[in-house]
Protein backbone atom coordinates (compact mmCIF):
# COMPACT_ATOMS: atom_id res chain seq x y z
CA MET A 1 -132.75 -155.55 -186.43
CA PRO A 2 -130.93 -156.46 -183.22
CA GLU A 3 -131.01 -152.94 -181.86
CA THR A 4 -134.77 -152.72 -182.23
CA ALA A 5 -135.18 -156.12 -180.61
CA GLN A 6 -133.16 -155.02 -177.60
CA ASN A 7 -135.40 -151.98 -177.15
CA VAL A 8 -138.64 -153.97 -177.14
CA ASP A 9 -140.39 -153.54 -173.79
CA PRO A 10 -140.93 -157.00 -172.24
CA ARG A 11 -143.90 -155.66 -170.26
CA ARG A 12 -145.68 -154.14 -173.25
CA TRP A 13 -148.63 -156.58 -173.18
CA LYS A 14 -149.23 -155.88 -169.51
CA ALA A 15 -149.08 -152.18 -170.35
CA LEU A 16 -151.77 -152.72 -172.99
CA ILE A 17 -154.16 -153.98 -170.28
CA PHE A 18 -153.96 -150.70 -168.36
CA ILE A 19 -153.99 -148.49 -171.48
CA ALA A 20 -157.09 -150.33 -172.72
CA LEU A 21 -158.74 -150.08 -169.28
CA ALA A 22 -158.27 -146.30 -169.28
CA GLN A 23 -159.63 -146.02 -172.83
CA LEU A 24 -162.66 -148.10 -171.83
CA MET A 25 -163.35 -145.75 -168.92
CA VAL A 26 -163.29 -142.67 -171.17
CA VAL A 27 -165.50 -144.25 -173.84
CA LEU A 28 -167.93 -145.64 -171.24
CA ASP A 29 -168.37 -142.19 -169.75
CA ALA A 30 -169.57 -140.83 -173.09
CA THR A 31 -172.78 -142.91 -172.89
CA ILE A 32 -173.17 -144.06 -169.29
CA VAL A 33 -174.18 -140.60 -168.06
CA ASN A 34 -176.88 -140.33 -170.74
CA ILE A 35 -178.72 -143.28 -169.18
CA ALA A 36 -178.48 -141.74 -165.70
CA LEU A 37 -179.38 -138.18 -166.71
CA PRO A 38 -183.18 -138.41 -166.14
CA SER A 39 -182.62 -139.72 -162.59
CA ALA A 40 -179.93 -137.10 -161.83
CA GLN A 41 -182.16 -134.34 -163.19
CA LYS A 42 -184.98 -135.36 -160.86
CA ALA A 43 -182.75 -135.82 -157.80
CA LEU A 44 -180.97 -132.46 -158.15
CA ASP A 45 -183.98 -130.56 -159.49
CA ILE A 46 -182.22 -129.59 -162.72
CA SER A 47 -184.45 -127.65 -165.13
CA ASP A 48 -185.11 -128.92 -168.66
CA GLY A 49 -183.24 -125.89 -169.99
CA ASN A 50 -180.13 -126.71 -167.97
CA LYS A 51 -180.04 -130.51 -168.21
CA GLN A 52 -178.09 -130.41 -171.51
CA TRP A 53 -175.17 -128.81 -169.65
CA VAL A 54 -174.48 -132.10 -167.88
CA ILE A 55 -173.51 -133.43 -171.32
CA THR A 56 -172.32 -130.16 -172.89
CA ALA A 57 -169.92 -129.20 -170.06
CA TYR A 58 -167.99 -132.43 -170.64
CA ALA A 59 -168.12 -132.20 -174.45
CA LEU A 60 -166.82 -128.61 -174.53
CA ALA A 61 -163.91 -129.24 -172.16
CA PHE A 62 -162.97 -132.55 -173.75
CA GLY A 63 -163.33 -131.49 -177.39
CA GLY A 64 -161.75 -128.08 -176.89
CA LEU A 65 -158.66 -129.27 -175.04
CA LEU A 66 -157.79 -132.49 -176.91
CA LEU A 67 -155.06 -130.96 -179.09
CA PHE A 68 -153.58 -129.22 -176.05
CA GLY A 69 -153.68 -132.52 -174.14
CA GLY A 70 -151.96 -134.34 -177.00
CA ARG A 71 -149.22 -131.73 -177.17
CA LEU A 72 -148.69 -131.87 -173.40
CA ALA A 73 -148.27 -135.64 -173.70
CA ASP A 74 -145.50 -135.10 -176.28
CA LEU A 75 -143.90 -132.45 -174.07
CA TRP A 76 -144.20 -133.85 -170.53
CA GLY A 77 -144.06 -137.50 -171.44
CA ARG A 78 -147.03 -139.72 -172.22
CA LYS A 79 -146.82 -141.91 -169.14
CA GLN A 80 -146.83 -138.92 -166.79
CA THR A 81 -149.71 -137.25 -168.66
CA PHE A 82 -151.60 -140.56 -168.68
CA VAL A 83 -151.31 -140.99 -164.90
CA VAL A 84 -152.24 -137.34 -164.18
CA GLY A 85 -155.26 -137.74 -166.46
CA LEU A 86 -156.37 -140.89 -164.63
CA VAL A 87 -156.02 -139.39 -161.15
CA GLY A 88 -157.80 -136.19 -162.18
CA PHE A 89 -160.60 -138.11 -163.91
CA ALA A 90 -161.14 -140.23 -160.79
CA ALA A 91 -161.27 -137.13 -158.55
CA ALA A 92 -163.73 -135.40 -160.90
CA SER A 93 -165.90 -138.54 -160.99
CA ALA A 94 -165.97 -138.65 -157.17
CA LEU A 95 -167.04 -135.00 -157.14
CA GLY A 96 -169.81 -135.72 -159.67
CA GLY A 97 -171.09 -138.71 -157.73
CA ALA A 98 -171.23 -136.65 -154.54
CA ALA A 99 -172.86 -133.62 -156.24
CA LEU A 100 -175.36 -131.78 -154.05
CA ASN A 101 -176.70 -129.44 -156.74
CA SER A 102 -176.57 -128.81 -160.47
CA PRO A 103 -173.58 -126.38 -160.50
CA MET A 104 -171.50 -128.96 -158.61
CA LEU A 105 -172.48 -131.70 -161.07
CA MET A 106 -171.76 -129.55 -164.12
CA GLY A 107 -168.42 -128.44 -162.69
CA ALA A 108 -167.49 -132.07 -162.11
CA ARG A 109 -168.41 -132.90 -165.72
CA ALA A 110 -166.21 -130.06 -166.99
CA LEU A 111 -163.31 -131.37 -164.88
CA GLN A 112 -163.89 -134.86 -166.29
CA GLY A 113 -163.61 -133.35 -169.76
CA ILE A 114 -160.37 -131.54 -168.93
CA PHE A 115 -158.65 -134.64 -167.55
CA GLY A 116 -160.18 -136.81 -170.29
CA ALA A 117 -158.46 -134.52 -172.82
CA LEU A 118 -155.14 -135.41 -171.16
CA LEU A 119 -155.95 -139.09 -170.88
CA ALA A 120 -157.34 -140.04 -174.30
CA PRO A 121 -154.48 -138.85 -176.57
CA SER A 122 -151.79 -140.03 -174.16
CA ALA A 123 -153.34 -143.54 -174.14
CA LEU A 124 -153.37 -143.85 -177.93
CA SER A 125 -149.89 -142.35 -178.35
CA LEU A 126 -148.48 -144.70 -175.68
CA LEU A 127 -149.82 -147.55 -177.76
CA ALA A 128 -148.22 -146.10 -180.89
CA VAL A 129 -144.72 -145.81 -179.38
CA THR A 130 -144.90 -149.06 -177.36
CA PHE A 131 -145.93 -151.48 -180.14
CA THR A 132 -143.54 -151.12 -183.06
CA ASP A 133 -143.50 -154.63 -184.54
CA ALA A 134 -146.11 -154.79 -187.33
CA LYS A 135 -147.89 -157.98 -186.21
CA GLU A 136 -147.86 -157.01 -182.55
CA ARG A 137 -149.10 -153.54 -183.47
CA ALA A 138 -151.99 -155.11 -185.40
CA LYS A 139 -153.05 -157.17 -182.37
CA ALA A 140 -152.69 -154.24 -179.95
CA PHE A 141 -154.67 -151.86 -182.13
CA GLY A 142 -157.25 -154.59 -182.74
CA ILE A 143 -157.97 -154.72 -179.01
CA PHE A 144 -157.86 -150.92 -178.70
CA GLY A 145 -160.14 -150.47 -181.73
CA ALA A 146 -162.69 -152.93 -180.34
CA ILE A 147 -162.79 -151.00 -177.07
CA ALA A 148 -163.04 -147.63 -178.82
CA GLY A 149 -165.87 -148.91 -181.02
CA GLY A 150 -167.79 -151.04 -178.52
CA GLY A 151 -167.23 -149.12 -175.30
CA GLY A 152 -170.16 -146.81 -175.95
CA ALA A 153 -172.56 -149.74 -176.15
CA VAL A 154 -171.03 -151.24 -173.00
CA GLY A 155 -171.74 -147.89 -171.33
CA LEU A 156 -175.42 -148.26 -172.18
CA ILE A 157 -175.52 -151.68 -170.47
CA LEU A 158 -173.56 -150.60 -167.40
CA GLY A 159 -175.49 -147.35 -167.14
CA GLY A 160 -178.77 -149.26 -167.26
CA VAL A 161 -177.71 -151.76 -164.58
CA LEU A 162 -176.35 -149.09 -162.21
CA THR A 163 -179.31 -146.75 -162.67
CA GLU A 164 -181.95 -149.46 -162.32
CA TYR A 165 -180.46 -151.46 -159.42
CA MET A 166 -178.41 -148.84 -157.53
CA ASN A 167 -178.72 -145.12 -158.34
CA TRP A 168 -177.44 -142.52 -160.79
CA ARG A 169 -174.46 -141.55 -158.56
CA TRP A 170 -172.82 -144.91 -159.28
CA THR A 171 -172.47 -144.01 -162.95
CA PHE A 172 -169.80 -141.58 -161.66
CA PHE A 173 -168.37 -143.64 -158.80
CA VAL A 174 -167.79 -146.63 -161.11
CA ASN A 175 -164.96 -144.68 -162.79
CA ILE A 176 -162.89 -144.59 -159.60
CA PRO A 177 -161.85 -148.29 -159.45
CA PHE A 178 -161.15 -148.22 -163.21
CA ALA A 179 -158.87 -145.20 -162.79
CA VAL A 180 -157.09 -146.46 -159.67
CA VAL A 181 -156.28 -149.86 -161.18
CA ALA A 182 -155.13 -148.28 -164.47
CA ALA A 183 -152.97 -145.67 -162.69
CA VAL A 184 -151.26 -148.20 -160.38
CA GLY A 185 -150.69 -150.54 -163.32
CA ALA A 186 -149.34 -147.74 -165.50
CA ILE A 187 -146.83 -146.65 -162.87
CA ALA A 188 -145.69 -150.24 -162.42
CA VAL A 189 -145.39 -151.52 -165.99
CA ILE A 190 -145.54 -148.77 -168.65
CA ARG A 191 -142.15 -147.73 -170.00
CA GLU A 192 -142.11 -144.88 -172.50
CA PRO A 193 -139.14 -144.51 -174.88
CA ALA A 194 -137.28 -141.40 -173.67
CA GLU A 195 -136.33 -140.32 -177.20
CA SER A 196 -139.99 -140.03 -178.23
CA ARG A 197 -140.60 -136.77 -176.32
CA ASN A 198 -140.88 -133.39 -178.03
CA PRO A 199 -139.01 -130.80 -175.94
CA ALA A 200 -140.04 -127.80 -178.09
CA ARG A 201 -141.68 -124.83 -176.34
CA LEU A 202 -145.46 -124.78 -176.08
CA ASP A 203 -147.25 -122.83 -178.83
CA ILE A 204 -149.47 -120.59 -176.63
CA PRO A 205 -151.22 -118.71 -179.51
CA GLY A 206 -151.96 -122.08 -181.13
CA VAL A 207 -153.36 -123.45 -177.86
CA LEU A 208 -155.70 -120.46 -177.44
CA LEU A 209 -156.90 -120.43 -181.06
CA ALA A 210 -157.41 -124.21 -181.27
CA THR A 211 -159.20 -124.42 -177.92
CA LEU A 212 -161.52 -121.47 -178.60
CA GLY A 213 -162.16 -122.64 -182.18
CA LEU A 214 -163.03 -126.21 -181.18
CA VAL A 215 -165.19 -125.03 -178.25
CA SER A 216 -167.09 -122.72 -180.62
CA LEU A 217 -167.57 -125.55 -183.13
CA VAL A 218 -168.78 -128.14 -180.61
CA TYR A 219 -171.00 -125.61 -178.80
CA GLY A 220 -172.39 -124.43 -182.15
CA PHE A 221 -173.70 -127.91 -182.90
CA THR A 222 -175.08 -128.17 -179.37
CA ARG A 223 -176.98 -124.91 -179.78
CA ALA A 224 -178.17 -125.95 -183.25
CA GLU A 225 -179.88 -128.93 -181.66
CA SER A 226 -181.75 -126.83 -179.09
CA ASP A 227 -182.16 -123.41 -180.79
CA GLY A 228 -182.18 -124.33 -184.48
CA TRP A 229 -179.64 -123.96 -187.28
CA THR A 230 -180.67 -120.41 -188.19
CA ALA A 231 -180.62 -118.95 -184.66
CA GLY A 232 -178.32 -115.96 -184.24
CA LEU A 233 -176.20 -117.61 -181.54
CA THR A 234 -175.79 -120.80 -183.60
CA ILE A 235 -174.64 -118.90 -186.70
CA GLY A 236 -172.36 -116.67 -184.61
CA LEU A 237 -170.67 -119.69 -183.04
CA PHE A 238 -170.07 -121.32 -186.42
CA VAL A 239 -168.64 -118.09 -187.87
CA ALA A 240 -166.38 -117.71 -184.82
CA ALA A 241 -165.23 -121.34 -185.20
CA VAL A 242 -164.32 -120.85 -188.87
CA VAL A 243 -162.42 -117.62 -188.17
CA LEU A 244 -160.56 -119.02 -185.14
CA LEU A 245 -159.61 -122.32 -186.81
CA ALA A 246 -158.51 -120.52 -190.00
CA ALA A 247 -156.33 -118.23 -187.87
CA PHE A 248 -155.00 -121.33 -186.10
CA ALA A 249 -153.99 -122.89 -189.44
CA VAL A 250 -152.16 -119.67 -190.44
CA VAL A 251 -150.33 -119.48 -187.10
CA GLU A 252 -149.36 -123.16 -187.25
CA SER A 253 -147.83 -122.70 -190.71
CA ARG A 254 -145.56 -119.92 -189.42
CA VAL A 255 -144.47 -120.68 -185.84
CA LYS A 256 -141.27 -122.60 -185.16
CA ALA A 257 -142.81 -125.18 -182.79
CA PRO A 258 -146.52 -125.51 -183.72
CA LEU A 259 -149.14 -127.09 -181.46
CA LEU A 260 -150.33 -129.12 -184.46
CA PRO A 261 -147.62 -129.54 -187.12
CA LEU A 262 -149.48 -129.33 -190.41
CA ARG A 263 -147.55 -132.38 -191.65
CA VAL A 264 -149.71 -134.45 -189.30
CA VAL A 265 -153.03 -133.51 -190.96
CA THR A 266 -151.94 -132.74 -194.53
CA ASN A 267 -150.59 -136.26 -194.96
CA ARG A 268 -153.03 -137.93 -197.34
CA ASN A 269 -153.53 -141.10 -195.32
CA ARG A 270 -153.95 -139.51 -191.92
CA GLY A 271 -156.21 -136.78 -193.35
CA GLY A 272 -158.36 -139.47 -194.97
CA VAL A 273 -158.57 -141.41 -191.70
CA TYR A 274 -159.61 -138.33 -189.71
CA LEU A 275 -162.35 -137.47 -192.25
CA ALA A 276 -163.67 -141.04 -192.58
CA LEU A 277 -163.67 -141.66 -188.81
CA GLY A 278 -165.40 -138.36 -188.10
CA LEU A 279 -168.16 -139.16 -190.60
CA ALA A 280 -168.61 -142.71 -189.32
CA VAL A 281 -168.99 -141.44 -185.75
CA ILE A 282 -171.70 -139.02 -186.91
CA GLY A 283 -173.79 -142.01 -187.99
CA MET A 284 -173.01 -144.17 -184.96
CA PHE A 285 -173.75 -141.50 -182.32
CA GLY A 286 -177.13 -140.83 -183.88
CA LEU A 287 -177.87 -144.54 -183.90
CA PHE A 288 -177.18 -144.99 -180.17
CA LEU A 289 -179.36 -142.00 -179.38
CA PHE A 290 -182.37 -143.04 -181.48
CA LEU A 291 -182.33 -146.75 -180.72
CA THR A 292 -182.02 -146.14 -176.98
CA TYR A 293 -185.21 -144.04 -177.11
CA TYR A 294 -186.88 -146.45 -179.54
CA MET A 295 -186.33 -149.51 -177.38
CA GLN A 296 -187.33 -147.81 -174.13
CA MET A 297 -190.15 -145.52 -175.28
CA VAL A 298 -191.63 -147.56 -178.15
CA LYS A 299 -190.74 -151.18 -177.33
CA GLY A 300 -191.05 -150.68 -173.56
CA TYR A 301 -187.65 -152.15 -172.69
CA SER A 302 -186.15 -151.44 -169.27
CA PRO A 303 -182.76 -149.64 -169.11
CA VAL A 304 -181.02 -152.98 -168.47
CA LYS A 305 -182.83 -154.78 -171.30
CA THR A 306 -182.00 -151.87 -173.62
CA GLY A 307 -178.34 -152.14 -172.75
CA LEU A 308 -178.33 -155.92 -173.23
CA ALA A 309 -179.98 -155.50 -176.62
CA PHE A 310 -176.80 -153.75 -177.79
CA LEU A 311 -174.61 -156.74 -176.82
CA PRO A 312 -174.60 -158.33 -180.32
CA MET A 313 -173.17 -155.09 -181.69
CA ILE A 314 -170.33 -155.28 -179.16
CA VAL A 315 -169.67 -158.93 -180.09
CA GLY A 316 -169.61 -157.92 -183.75
CA MET A 317 -167.18 -155.08 -183.07
CA ILE A 318 -164.81 -157.28 -181.12
CA THR A 319 -164.96 -159.96 -183.83
CA GLY A 320 -164.44 -157.46 -186.66
CA SER A 321 -161.57 -155.75 -184.90
CA THR A 322 -159.63 -158.66 -183.41
CA GLN A 323 -160.42 -161.47 -185.87
CA ILE A 324 -160.80 -159.69 -189.22
CA GLY A 325 -158.90 -156.41 -188.91
CA THR A 326 -155.98 -157.80 -186.93
CA ARG A 327 -155.47 -160.80 -189.20
CA LEU A 328 -155.68 -158.82 -192.45
CA MET A 329 -154.05 -155.50 -191.57
CA THR A 330 -150.54 -156.74 -192.35
CA ARG A 331 -151.70 -158.52 -195.53
CA ILE A 332 -153.87 -156.01 -197.40
CA PRO A 333 -154.00 -152.19 -197.63
CA ALA A 334 -155.98 -150.36 -194.93
CA ARG A 335 -158.51 -148.97 -197.44
CA MET A 336 -159.53 -152.54 -198.30
CA LEU A 337 -160.62 -152.96 -194.69
CA MET A 338 -161.97 -149.48 -194.02
CA GLY A 339 -164.06 -149.10 -197.20
CA PRO A 340 -165.80 -152.51 -197.07
CA GLY A 341 -166.10 -152.23 -193.28
CA PHE A 342 -168.05 -148.98 -193.47
CA LEU A 343 -170.21 -150.43 -196.28
CA VAL A 344 -171.09 -153.51 -194.20
CA ALA A 345 -172.04 -151.16 -191.36
CA ALA A 346 -174.15 -149.16 -193.84
CA VAL A 347 -176.05 -152.36 -194.76
CA GLY A 348 -176.76 -152.94 -191.06
CA MET A 349 -177.93 -149.34 -190.76
CA LEU A 350 -180.09 -149.82 -193.87
CA LEU A 351 -181.95 -152.68 -192.15
CA LEU A 352 -182.77 -150.35 -189.26
CA THR A 353 -184.61 -147.95 -191.58
CA GLN A 354 -187.36 -150.60 -191.57
CA ILE A 355 -188.19 -150.35 -187.85
CA ASP A 356 -191.80 -149.69 -186.89
CA LEU A 357 -193.99 -150.02 -183.81
CA ASP A 358 -193.90 -153.84 -183.71
CA THR A 359 -190.51 -154.65 -185.24
CA SER A 360 -189.09 -158.05 -184.23
CA TYR A 361 -185.78 -157.82 -182.40
CA PRO A 362 -184.51 -161.29 -183.51
CA LEU A 363 -185.60 -160.90 -187.15
CA LEU A 364 -184.44 -157.34 -187.88
CA ILE A 365 -182.65 -155.50 -185.07
CA LEU A 366 -180.34 -158.40 -184.13
CA PRO A 367 -178.91 -159.00 -187.65
CA ALA A 368 -178.62 -155.22 -188.14
CA PHE A 369 -176.60 -154.91 -184.92
CA LEU A 370 -174.31 -157.80 -185.91
CA LEU A 371 -173.59 -156.22 -189.31
CA LEU A 372 -173.02 -152.82 -187.75
CA GLY A 373 -170.60 -154.26 -185.21
CA LEU A 374 -168.67 -156.36 -187.74
CA GLY A 375 -168.37 -153.46 -190.17
CA MET A 376 -167.36 -150.80 -187.67
CA GLY A 377 -164.92 -153.12 -185.87
CA THR A 378 -163.24 -154.08 -189.13
CA ALA A 379 -162.95 -150.42 -190.22
CA PHE A 380 -162.03 -148.83 -186.87
CA MET A 381 -159.07 -151.06 -186.17
CA PRO A 382 -156.85 -150.20 -189.20
CA ALA A 383 -158.04 -146.57 -188.98
CA MET A 384 -156.82 -146.23 -185.39
CA SER A 385 -153.48 -147.75 -186.31
CA LEU A 386 -152.99 -145.77 -189.53
CA ALA A 387 -153.80 -142.50 -187.78
CA THR A 388 -150.50 -142.79 -185.87
CA TYR A 389 -148.54 -145.08 -188.21
CA GLY A 390 -145.45 -143.51 -189.72
CA VAL A 391 -145.83 -140.32 -187.67
CA GLN A 392 -142.64 -139.10 -186.03
CA PRO A 393 -142.60 -140.15 -182.35
CA ARG A 394 -142.36 -136.52 -181.22
CA ASP A 395 -145.76 -135.93 -182.90
CA ALA A 396 -147.47 -139.12 -181.67
CA GLY A 397 -149.44 -137.35 -178.93
CA VAL A 398 -150.90 -134.66 -181.15
CA ALA A 399 -151.62 -137.17 -183.96
CA SER A 400 -153.51 -139.28 -181.41
CA ALA A 401 -155.36 -136.18 -180.24
CA MET A 402 -156.54 -135.59 -183.81
CA VAL A 403 -158.16 -139.06 -183.84
CA ASN A 404 -160.09 -138.19 -180.69
CA THR A 405 -160.90 -134.69 -181.98
CA SER A 406 -162.39 -136.07 -185.21
CA GLN A 407 -164.52 -138.49 -183.17
CA GLN A 408 -165.58 -135.82 -180.66
CA VAL A 409 -166.56 -133.31 -183.35
CA GLY A 410 -168.26 -136.13 -185.28
CA GLY A 411 -170.24 -137.03 -182.18
CA ALA A 412 -171.35 -133.42 -181.66
CA ILE A 413 -172.37 -133.10 -185.32
CA GLY A 414 -174.13 -136.48 -185.28
CA THR A 415 -176.18 -135.73 -182.18
CA ALA A 416 -177.24 -132.27 -183.40
CA LEU A 417 -177.71 -133.00 -187.11
CA LEU A 418 -179.55 -136.32 -186.87
CA ASN A 419 -181.68 -135.23 -183.92
CA THR A 420 -182.74 -132.13 -185.89
CA ILE A 421 -183.62 -134.30 -188.90
CA ALA A 422 -185.57 -136.75 -186.72
CA THR A 423 -187.51 -133.99 -184.96
CA SER A 424 -188.36 -132.20 -188.20
CA ALA A 425 -189.44 -135.40 -190.00
CA GLY A 426 -191.52 -136.48 -187.00
CA GLN A 427 -193.33 -133.14 -186.83
CA GLU A 428 -194.11 -133.21 -190.56
CA TYR A 429 -195.46 -136.76 -190.26
CA GLY A 430 -197.65 -135.74 -187.34
CA LYS A 431 -199.15 -132.81 -189.25
CA ALA A 432 -199.75 -134.92 -192.37
CA HIS A 433 -201.55 -137.72 -190.48
CA ALA A 434 -203.36 -135.72 -187.78
CA ALA A 435 -206.74 -135.99 -189.50
CA THR A 436 -206.63 -139.78 -189.90
CA ALA A 437 -204.97 -140.72 -186.60
CA LYS A 438 -206.74 -143.25 -184.37
CA SER A 439 -205.51 -141.48 -181.23
CA PRO A 440 -203.13 -138.62 -180.36
CA GLU A 441 -200.95 -141.00 -178.31
CA LEU A 442 -200.55 -143.46 -181.19
CA LEU A 443 -199.81 -140.63 -183.64
CA LEU A 444 -197.10 -139.30 -181.31
CA VAL A 445 -195.32 -142.67 -181.21
CA GLN A 446 -195.69 -143.18 -184.97
CA SER A 447 -194.27 -139.71 -185.58
CA GLN A 448 -191.27 -140.46 -183.35
CA VAL A 449 -190.51 -143.72 -185.17
CA HIS A 450 -190.87 -142.02 -188.55
CA GLY A 451 -188.40 -139.36 -187.37
CA TYR A 452 -185.92 -142.04 -186.26
CA THR A 453 -186.08 -143.86 -189.61
CA ALA A 454 -185.63 -140.59 -191.55
CA ALA A 455 -182.49 -139.82 -189.56
CA ILE A 456 -181.19 -143.39 -189.94
CA TRP A 457 -181.50 -143.02 -193.74
CA TRP A 458 -179.15 -140.06 -193.46
CA ALA A 459 -176.79 -142.15 -191.33
CA VAL A 460 -176.74 -144.79 -194.10
CA GLY A 461 -175.68 -142.15 -196.61
CA ILE A 462 -173.03 -140.77 -194.25
CA LEU A 463 -171.47 -144.22 -193.82
CA VAL A 464 -171.38 -144.71 -197.59
CA VAL A 465 -169.56 -141.37 -197.95
CA ALA A 466 -167.13 -142.44 -195.19
CA ALA A 467 -166.40 -145.63 -197.17
CA ALA A 468 -165.82 -143.61 -200.36
CA LEU A 469 -163.46 -141.19 -198.58
CA ALA A 470 -161.49 -144.07 -197.07
CA VAL A 471 -161.01 -145.72 -200.48
CA ALA A 472 -160.23 -142.42 -202.24
CA PHE A 473 -157.82 -140.85 -199.75
CA VAL A 474 -156.19 -143.73 -197.87
CA ASN A 475 -153.57 -145.12 -200.26
CA ALA A 476 -151.11 -146.65 -197.79
CA GLY A 477 -150.17 -150.28 -198.31
CA ARG A 478 -150.36 -152.95 -195.67
CA GLN A 479 -148.94 -151.93 -192.30
CA ASP A 480 -146.03 -154.36 -192.14
CA GLY A 481 -143.14 -151.95 -191.92
CA GLY A 482 -141.93 -152.82 -195.41
CA PRO A 483 -142.11 -150.82 -198.63
CA ALA A 484 -145.79 -151.55 -199.06
CA ALA A 485 -146.53 -149.62 -195.91
CA THR A 486 -145.18 -146.31 -197.07
CA GLY A 487 -148.06 -145.15 -199.20
CA SER A 488 -147.67 -142.98 -202.24
CA GLY A 489 -148.13 -139.43 -203.30
CA GLU A 490 -147.70 -136.38 -201.15
CA GLY A 491 -146.59 -137.15 -197.64
CA ALA A 492 -145.25 -140.59 -198.49
CA ALA A 493 -141.68 -139.58 -197.71
CA GLU A 494 -142.55 -138.92 -194.12
CA ASP A 495 -144.46 -142.18 -193.80
CA ALA A 496 -141.43 -144.06 -195.08
CA ILE A 497 -140.06 -143.60 -191.55
CA PRO A 498 -142.18 -146.05 -189.54
CA VAL A 499 -142.41 -145.69 -185.78
CA MET A 500 -140.30 -148.82 -185.28
CA ALA A 501 -137.29 -147.16 -186.85
CA HIS A 502 -136.89 -144.79 -183.93
């Protein structure tokens, strides 16, 4: 393939550094602000009723605009969209760090979400069109998958350090050097193939329906957490989401240049990846939430010690992604990495159902974290690659956006669903043991831990379902660019055109 060899970008590995740095910044921001929220709430006198908007403002803008951001990347060019996203994210972070009141902080979070929706899909799609050789692609996606999986835990560590030793404003300001370095590096070394753009006109009805539908869905889960699943507003938001997204699907099947070509999601392998990833993220988001509270409120860990406690999970993710996933992705089918990977993570989660008031970190939590990291790293890496593998270059941005959308919606569902289960189980435990409790304070802590373990049991089941979906739906062969990589069944014809052929 001499022509392909001539088109290989000699600076692609340098480009990976800056793409990965930008991805790390976006993933960090998803958890780093959670650690700082109590301090920010106190400093800016934010009411308990309004504090959720610091998180929700970002989630709504980011989740609602991801498909639009992915399509803009295909239209404008991924490098340009990537740089605009970085600059905008840095400016929004500076505004958040300098916030004088709650409206200013929430506005900054919404702006972060808007520019994050440009940045995240353009980063992944740049990776997809830059690394076309199968072995190089495996290594690149191994690094990217490790960052995507472990960045949230890194955010807990960094958030703890900044909040404890500096102040909450630095959880925003820390994004600025990340963004500046990534933007300068991107301008200098990233080269996007010109033929990979999609010059078709923007599908405005699709943009409006997708954005409103996704905002309704994400906000519905947010309201479910605070108001309950049967509240009128919660039900109304879910009904609106179903109607809007159904209308979106109808529009996309009829317009000439759809925002989301249905071939992207109806392909068996990509559809299976989106479903499995979304479910896995439901379990993982709940885990971060509960164990952060468990280690600080029950075990008495400081924010920094809590963050450091997650380090073995990060090590496991990096090992699973770069040493297991990368080495095996071109040798065995993706489902043979995704299915077992999610099951190993489920075993780690299963260990965590045994936590109690005096659980030993070295004997139980540490091995659970290592298994969780290894399993998720091994599964995430081929999933990230397969989500864009074989897709036509003109659709790479929107296919990448679907990966982020499945994770964002999964995160919203995970936070709302598992928190509701934990709260309900904890309240029932408290009522059942009120008469025999030694003290109200002890009963409160015991009820909280019982609630956490009940929710973690659900997370175990969700990961098992994710493994089953990966094995059942993902039928692509190994990702080596040869016949084995094309998959079978419906949609295989399209996947027979690997990215490297363009």
